[in-house]
Amino acid sequence: MSEHYVYVLECADGTFYTGYTTDVERRVDEHDAGEGAKYTRGRTPVELRYVEAFGSKSTAMSREYEIKQLSRRQKEKLVEE
């Protein structure tokens, strides 16, 4: 069974980006190379701050949505834990 991940990056400008992937290391490298999400281009380098693993894509995607709905303060608390 493949793993599905939700991750939070902190961009060079201090903002957070939340995403989904099956390979966290590859995806972070893509973001750093400017080949990731449009949002992170121009906000590099990025730093991986938080990861959660799930057994199914649908569960991971649901969690990604939940995290994206959090306020900045709530995201700061999440990445600090």
N, C-alpha and C. Protein backbone atom coordinates (compact mmCIF):
# COMPACT_ATOMS: atom_id res chain seq x y z
N MET A 1 0.85 -1.18 0.00
CA MET A 1 0.00 0.00 0.00
C MET A 1 0.90 1.25 0.00
N SER A 2 0.61 2.15 -0.90
CA SER A 2 1.41 3.37 -0.98
C SER A 2 0.96 4.36 0.08
N GLU A 3 1.90 5.19 0.45
CA GLU A 3 1.63 6.23 1.44
C GLU A 3 1.22 7.52 0.74
N HIS A 4 0.37 8.25 1.37
CA HIS A 4 -0.09 9.55 0.87
C HIS A 4 0.20 10.55 1.98
N TYR A 5 0.74 11.69 1.58
CA TYR A 5 1.20 12.67 2.56
C TYR A 5 0.58 14.04 2.34
N VAL A 6 0.36 14.72 3.46
CA VAL A 6 -0.01 16.13 3.45
C VAL A 6 1.15 16.83 4.13
N TYR A 7 1.59 17.94 3.54
CA TYR A 7 2.76 18.63 4.07
C TYR A 7 2.52 20.12 4.12
N VAL A 8 3.26 20.78 5.00
CA VAL A 8 3.20 22.24 5.10
C VAL A 8 4.62 22.76 4.92
N LEU A 9 4.77 23.68 3.99
CA LEU A 9 6.05 24.34 3.76
C LEU A 9 5.99 25.76 4.29
N GLU A 10 7.12 26.25 4.75
CA GLU A 10 7.23 27.67 5.05
C GLU A 10 8.08 28.27 3.94
N CYS A 11 7.53 29.26 3.26
CA CYS A 11 8.21 29.90 2.14
C CYS A 11 9.18 30.97 2.66
N ALA A 12 10.07 31.41 1.80
CA ALA A 12 11.07 32.41 2.17
C ALA A 12 10.44 33.71 2.67
N ASP A 13 9.22 34.02 2.21
CA ASP A 13 8.56 35.24 2.65
C ASP A 13 7.76 35.05 3.95
N GLY A 14 7.88 33.86 4.56
CA GLY A 14 7.21 33.60 5.83
C GLY A 14 5.81 33.04 5.72
N THR A 15 5.29 32.89 4.50
CA THR A 15 3.95 32.34 4.32
C THR A 15 4.02 30.81 4.33
N PHE A 16 2.85 30.19 4.54
CA PHE A 16 2.75 28.74 4.55
C PHE A 16 2.08 28.25 3.28
N TYR A 17 2.51 27.09 2.82
CA TYR A 17 1.89 26.42 1.68
C TYR A 17 1.58 24.99 2.11
N THR A 18 0.37 24.53 1.87
CA THR A 18 -0.05 23.17 2.20
C THR A 18 -0.29 22.40 0.92
N GLY A 19 0.23 21.16 0.86
CA GLY A 19 0.05 20.36 -0.34
C GLY A 19 -0.08 18.88 -0.04
N TYR A 20 -0.32 18.12 -1.10
CA TYR A 20 -0.47 16.66 -1.05
C TYR A 20 0.57 16.04 -1.98
N THR A 21 1.11 14.88 -1.59
CA THR A 21 2.05 14.17 -2.45
C THR A 21 2.16 12.71 -2.01
N THR A 22 2.81 11.91 -2.85
CA THR A 22 3.15 10.54 -2.47
C THR A 22 4.64 10.42 -2.19
N ASP A 23 5.40 11.49 -2.44
CA ASP A 23 6.85 11.49 -2.22
C ASP A 23 7.25 12.88 -1.73
N VAL A 24 7.38 13.03 -0.44
CA VAL A 24 7.61 14.34 0.17
C VAL A 24 8.94 14.94 -0.28
N GLU A 25 10.01 14.17 -0.23
CA GLU A 25 11.33 14.70 -0.57
C GLU A 25 11.37 15.21 -2.01
N ARG A 26 10.82 14.42 -2.94
CA ARG A 26 10.78 14.84 -4.35
C ARG A 26 9.97 16.12 -4.51
N ARG A 27 8.85 16.19 -3.82
CA ARG A 27 7.96 17.34 -3.97
C ARG A 27 8.60 18.62 -3.42
N VAL A 28 9.27 18.51 -2.28
CA VAL A 28 9.95 19.68 -1.72
C VAL A 28 11.04 20.15 -2.68
N ASP A 29 11.78 19.20 -3.25
CA ASP A 29 12.81 19.54 -4.24
C ASP A 29 12.20 20.27 -5.44
N GLU A 30 11.03 19.80 -5.88
CA GLU A 30 10.35 20.46 -7.01
C GLU A 30 9.97 21.90 -6.65
N HIS A 31 9.45 22.10 -5.46
CA HIS A 31 9.11 23.45 -5.02
C HIS A 31 10.35 24.33 -5.01
N ASP A 32 11.44 23.82 -4.44
CA ASP A 32 12.68 24.61 -4.36
C ASP A 32 13.25 24.95 -5.74
N ALA A 33 13.02 24.06 -6.70
CA ALA A 33 13.52 24.29 -8.06
C ALA A 33 12.60 25.19 -8.88
N GLY A 34 11.49 25.63 -8.29
CA GLY A 34 10.55 26.48 -9.03
C GLY A 34 9.63 25.68 -9.93
N GLU A 35 9.58 24.36 -9.71
CA GLU A 35 8.74 23.48 -10.54
C GLU A 35 7.54 22.95 -9.77
N GLY A 36 7.33 23.48 -8.59
CA GLY A 36 6.20 23.04 -7.77
C GLY A 36 4.97 23.86 -8.09
N ALA A 37 4.20 24.15 -7.07
CA ALA A 37 2.98 24.92 -7.24
C ALA A 37 3.30 26.36 -7.66
N LYS A 38 2.37 26.96 -8.38
CA LYS A 38 2.54 28.34 -8.81
C LYS A 38 2.77 29.26 -7.61
N TYR A 39 2.10 28.95 -6.49
CA TYR A 39 2.22 29.80 -5.30
C TYR A 39 3.66 29.86 -4.79
N THR A 40 4.37 28.75 -4.82
CA THR A 40 5.72 28.73 -4.23
C THR A 40 6.79 29.26 -5.16
N ARG A 41 6.49 29.40 -6.44
CA ARG A 41 7.48 29.97 -7.37
C ARG A 41 7.73 31.41 -6.97
N GLY A 42 8.99 31.78 -6.84
CA GLY A 42 9.32 33.13 -6.42
C GLY A 42 9.31 33.31 -4.91
N ARG A 43 8.95 32.24 -4.19
CA ARG A 43 8.96 32.29 -2.73
C ARG A 43 9.96 31.28 -2.17
N THR A 44 10.93 30.92 -2.97
CA THR A 44 11.93 29.95 -2.55
C THR A 44 13.09 30.65 -1.86
N PRO A 45 13.85 29.96 -1.03
CA PRO A 45 13.71 28.53 -0.74
C PRO A 45 12.55 28.26 0.22
N VAL A 46 12.07 27.02 0.17
CA VAL A 46 11.01 26.60 1.08
C VAL A 46 11.59 25.65 2.11
N GLU A 47 10.93 25.60 3.26
CA GLU A 47 11.37 24.70 4.33
C GLU A 47 10.20 23.82 4.74
N LEU A 48 10.42 22.51 4.74
CA LEU A 48 9.40 21.58 5.18
C LEU A 48 9.20 21.74 6.68
N ARG A 49 7.97 22.03 7.09
CA ARG A 49 7.69 22.27 8.50
C ARG A 49 6.80 21.22 9.14
N TYR A 50 6.02 20.47 8.31
CA TYR A 50 5.05 19.54 8.89
C TYR A 50 4.66 18.50 7.86
N VAL A 51 4.50 17.24 8.32
CA VAL A 51 4.07 16.14 7.43
C VAL A 51 3.12 15.23 8.20
N GLU A 52 2.08 14.77 7.53
CA GLU A 52 1.19 13.73 8.04
C GLU A 52 1.08 12.66 6.98
N ALA A 53 1.07 11.38 7.38
CA ALA A 53 0.95 10.27 6.44
C ALA A 53 -0.42 9.62 6.56
N PHE A 54 -0.94 9.17 5.42
CA PHE A 54 -2.26 8.53 5.37
C PHE A 54 -2.20 7.31 4.47
N GLY A 55 -3.12 6.37 4.68
CA GLY A 55 -3.17 5.16 3.88
C GLY A 55 -3.96 5.31 2.59
N SER A 56 -4.74 6.38 2.48
CA SER A 56 -5.54 6.57 1.26
C SER A 56 -5.44 8.01 0.77
N LYS A 57 -5.56 8.15 -0.52
CA LYS A 57 -5.49 9.47 -1.13
C LYS A 57 -6.66 10.34 -0.67
N SER A 58 -7.84 9.76 -0.60
CA SER A 58 -9.01 10.56 -0.24
C SER A 58 -8.90 11.11 1.18
N THR A 59 -8.38 10.33 2.11
CA THR A 59 -8.20 10.80 3.47
C THR A 59 -7.17 11.93 3.51
N ALA A 60 -6.09 11.75 2.78
CA ALA A 60 -5.05 12.78 2.73
C ALA A 60 -5.57 14.07 2.12
N MET A 61 -6.33 13.95 1.05
CA MET A 61 -6.87 15.14 0.40
C MET A 61 -7.87 15.87 1.30
N SER A 62 -8.63 15.12 2.07
CA SER A 62 -9.56 15.74 3.02
C SER A 62 -8.79 16.51 4.09
N ARG A 63 -7.71 15.91 4.59
CA ARG A 63 -6.90 16.58 5.60
C ARG A 63 -6.21 17.81 5.03
N GLU A 64 -5.75 17.73 3.77
CA GLU A 64 -5.15 18.89 3.12
C GLU A 64 -6.15 20.05 3.11
N TYR A 65 -7.38 19.77 2.77
CA TYR A 65 -8.42 20.80 2.74
C TYR A 65 -8.62 21.40 4.13
N GLU A 66 -8.67 20.53 5.16
CA GLU A 66 -8.84 21.01 6.53
C GLU A 66 -7.73 21.97 6.93
N ILE A 67 -6.50 21.60 6.63
CA ILE A 67 -5.36 22.44 7.00
C ILE A 67 -5.42 23.77 6.25
N LYS A 68 -5.80 23.73 4.98
CA LYS A 68 -5.88 24.97 4.20
C LYS A 68 -6.93 25.93 4.75
N GLN A 69 -7.92 25.42 5.49
CA GLN A 69 -8.95 26.27 6.06
C GLN A 69 -8.52 26.91 7.38
N LEU A 70 -7.42 26.46 7.95
CA LEU A 70 -6.95 27.00 9.23
C LEU A 70 -6.45 28.43 9.07
N SER A 71 -6.53 29.17 10.15
CA SER A 71 -5.97 30.53 10.16
C SER A 71 -4.45 30.43 10.24
N ARG A 72 -3.79 31.52 10.00
CA ARG A 72 -2.32 31.55 10.11
C ARG A 72 -1.88 31.13 11.51
N ARG A 73 -2.54 31.64 12.52
CA ARG A 73 -2.19 31.30 13.91
C ARG A 73 -2.35 29.80 14.16
N GLN A 74 -3.42 29.21 13.64
CA GLN A 74 -3.64 27.77 13.81
C GLN A 74 -2.57 26.96 13.08
N LYS A 75 -2.16 27.43 11.90
CA LYS A 75 -1.11 26.73 11.16
C LYS A 75 0.23 26.84 11.90
N GLU A 76 0.50 28.00 12.49
CA GLU A 76 1.73 28.16 13.27
C GLU A 76 1.75 27.17 14.43
N LYS A 77 0.62 27.02 15.09
CA LYS A 77 0.52 26.07 16.21
C LYS A 77 0.72 24.64 15.71
N LEU A 78 0.14 24.31 14.58
CA LEU A 78 0.28 22.97 14.01
C LEU A 78 1.73 22.62 13.71
N VAL A 79 2.46 23.52 13.08
CA VAL A 79 3.84 23.22 12.70
C VAL A 79 4.80 23.24 13.90
N GLU A 80 4.38 23.88 14.99
CA GLU A 80 5.21 23.92 16.19
C GLU A 80 5.09 22.64 17.01
N GLU A 81 3.98 21.91 16.86
CA GLU A 81 3.76 20.68 17.65
C GLU A 81 4.64 19.55 17.18
